[in-house]
Amino acid sequence: MTFDFEAARAARGQVGMAGASLTELLDLRAQIDAQLPARSLADLNLEEELILQYLIAKELQTATMGDLDVPANQRAQVLNACVSALDKLQDTQAKFYSQERFKRIEAMLISTLKKWPVDLAGDFIDEYEKMLEGST
């Protein structure tokens, strides 16, 4: 069942998205995203998707943790979903840090190579390219 955004807003006498709760905005976003599916992996922003999944899990956690009518095992599942989303975000952040750090090291190496004699720099670049081709 999808959330009827307009009906909920009208019931409170509100128009538009100003003042909408995070839950309402996330549900509306999910409805829009469902109509605009990714066509390829290049169209999918994994970081954004992970953050959205975490926000959804966090909203669900907020809604269920204080509700004693929700069984304890279901509250535990929501908590586990939040922890899992945070774990994935941490992994993504660590990979991004490693990639960015490698890019900076590579840029520094290129800057240093520009100062070397052409024959030495050329030999190094040839070996480096061979190594990169072998790792793919």
Protein backbone atom coordinates (compact mmCIF):
# COMPACT_ATOMS: atom_id res chain seq x y z
CA MET A 1 0.00 0.00 0.00
CA THR A 2 1.36 3.39 -0.94
CA PHE A 3 1.00 6.51 1.12
CA ASP A 4 -1.56 8.98 -0.27
CA PHE A 5 0.53 12.10 0.04
CA GLU A 6 -2.10 14.53 -1.25
CA ALA A 7 -4.87 13.15 0.99
CA ALA A 8 -2.66 13.37 4.09
CA ARG A 9 -1.60 16.92 3.24
CA ALA A 10 -5.22 17.99 2.54
CA ALA A 11 -6.41 16.47 5.82
CA ARG A 12 -3.96 18.75 7.65
CA GLY A 13 -4.89 21.74 5.51
CA GLN A 14 -1.47 21.83 3.87
CA VAL A 15 -0.70 22.36 0.19
CA GLY A 16 2.48 21.37 -1.59
CA MET A 17 5.56 19.85 0.04
CA ALA A 18 6.44 22.60 2.51
CA GLY A 19 6.24 21.20 6.01
CA ALA A 20 6.01 17.57 4.84
CA SER A 21 7.53 15.03 7.20
CA LEU A 22 10.58 13.02 6.24
CA THR A 23 8.41 9.89 6.06
CA GLU A 24 6.04 11.58 3.62
CA LEU A 25 8.89 12.88 1.47
CA LEU A 26 10.66 9.50 1.42
CA ASP A 27 7.44 7.73 0.45
CA LEU A 28 6.75 10.27 -2.27
CA ARG A 29 10.33 9.86 -3.52
CA ALA A 30 9.89 6.07 -3.61
CA GLN A 31 6.71 6.48 -5.65
CA ILE A 32 8.51 8.75 -8.12
CA ASP A 33 11.56 6.46 -8.31
CA ALA A 34 9.29 3.49 -9.01
CA GLN A 35 8.04 5.30 -12.10
CA LEU A 36 11.59 6.17 -13.25
CA PRO A 37 13.59 2.94 -13.03
CA ALA A 38 17.31 2.90 -13.71
CA ARG A 39 18.07 1.72 -17.21
CA SER A 40 21.66 0.67 -16.51
CA LEU A 41 24.15 0.46 -13.68
CA ALA A 42 25.55 3.81 -14.83
CA ASP A 43 22.12 5.35 -14.09
CA LEU A 44 22.18 4.02 -10.52
CA ASN A 45 23.82 6.15 -7.84
CA LEU A 46 24.75 3.49 -5.28
CA GLU A 47 25.77 6.00 -2.65
CA GLU A 48 22.44 7.83 -2.94
CA GLU A 49 20.51 4.55 -2.88
CA LEU A 50 22.33 3.41 0.26
CA ILE A 51 21.62 6.69 2.00
CA LEU A 52 17.95 6.56 1.00
CA GLN A 53 17.67 2.99 2.27
CA TYR A 54 19.25 4.04 5.56
CA LEU A 55 16.86 6.99 5.90
CA ILE A 56 13.88 4.73 5.22
CA ALA A 57 15.12 2.18 7.76
CA LYS A 58 15.75 4.94 10.30
CA GLU A 59 12.23 6.35 9.83
CA LEU A 60 10.80 2.86 10.25
CA GLN A 61 12.90 2.42 13.38
CA THR A 62 11.60 5.68 14.81
CA ALA A 63 8.02 4.62 14.09
CA THR A 64 8.36 1.10 15.54
CA MET A 65 10.73 1.38 18.50
CA GLY A 66 8.30 3.26 20.70
CA ASP A 67 5.27 1.26 19.59
CA LEU A 68 4.72 -1.59 22.07
CA ASP A 69 2.11 -3.08 19.73
CA VAL A 70 4.92 -3.98 17.32
CA PRO A 71 6.35 -7.38 18.27
CA ALA A 72 9.89 -7.37 19.64
CA ASN A 73 11.23 -9.54 16.81
CA GLN A 74 9.98 -7.02 14.23
CA ARG A 75 11.57 -4.14 16.13
CA ALA A 76 14.81 -6.15 16.18
CA GLN A 77 14.55 -6.67 12.40
CA VAL A 78 14.18 -2.91 11.88
CA LEU A 79 17.19 -2.28 14.11
CA ASN A 80 19.20 -4.87 12.15
CA ALA A 81 18.20 -3.17 8.88
CA CYS A 82 19.56 0.14 10.20
CA VAL A 83 22.80 -1.47 11.33
CA SER A 84 23.16 -3.26 7.98
CA ALA A 85 22.60 -0.03 6.04
CA LEU A 86 25.18 1.78 8.20
CA ASP A 87 27.64 -1.07 7.64
CA LYS A 88 27.20 -0.81 3.86
CA LEU A 89 27.64 2.97 4.03
CA GLN A 90 30.83 2.53 6.03
CA ASP A 91 32.20 0.05 3.48
CA THR A 92 31.32 2.40 0.63
CA GLN A 93 32.96 5.31 2.40
CA ALA A 94 36.14 3.28 3.04
CA LYS A 95 36.33 2.22 -0.62
CA PHE A 96 35.79 5.80 -1.74
CA TYR A 97 38.54 7.00 0.61
CA SER A 98 40.93 4.37 -0.76
CA GLN A 99 40.13 5.29 -4.37
CA GLU A 100 40.55 9.01 -3.72
CA ARG A 101 43.80 8.41 -1.86
CA PHE A 102 45.13 6.30 -4.75
CA LYS A 103 44.18 9.05 -7.23
CA ARG A 104 46.16 11.59 -5.19
CA ILE A 105 49.18 9.26 -4.99
CA GLU A 106 48.99 8.66 -8.74
CA ALA A 107 48.80 12.43 -9.42
CA MET A 108 51.83 12.99 -7.18
CA LEU A 109 53.71 10.22 -9.01
CA ILE A 110 52.95 11.78 -12.40
CA SER A 111 54.09 15.17 -11.11
CA THR A 112 57.35 13.60 -9.94
CA LEU A 113 57.85 11.71 -13.20
CA LYS A 114 57.63 14.97 -15.14
CA LYS A 115 60.86 15.99 -13.40
CA TRP A 116 62.70 12.81 -14.43
CA PRO A 117 64.70 12.40 -17.63
CA VAL A 118 62.39 11.32 -20.48
CA ASP A 119 64.01 7.90 -20.96
CA LEU A 120 63.61 6.95 -17.29
CA ALA A 121 60.07 8.28 -17.05
CA GLY A 122 59.13 6.50 -20.30
CA ASP A 123 60.48 3.17 -19.03
CA PHE A 124 58.53 3.53 -15.79
CA ILE A 125 55.29 4.45 -17.58
CA ASP A 126 55.67 1.49 -19.96
CA GLU A 127 56.09 -0.91 -17.02
CA TYR A 128 53.25 0.73 -15.12
CA GLU A 129 50.87 0.36 -18.08
CA LYS A 130 51.84 -3.32 -18.47
CA MET A 131 51.13 -3.88 -14.78
CA LEU A 132 47.72 -2.16 -15.06
CA GLU A 133 46.78 -4.24 -18.13
CA GLY A 134 47.72 -7.41 -16.23
CA SER A 135 45.49 -6.51 -13.28
CA THR A 136 42.30 -6.12 -15.36
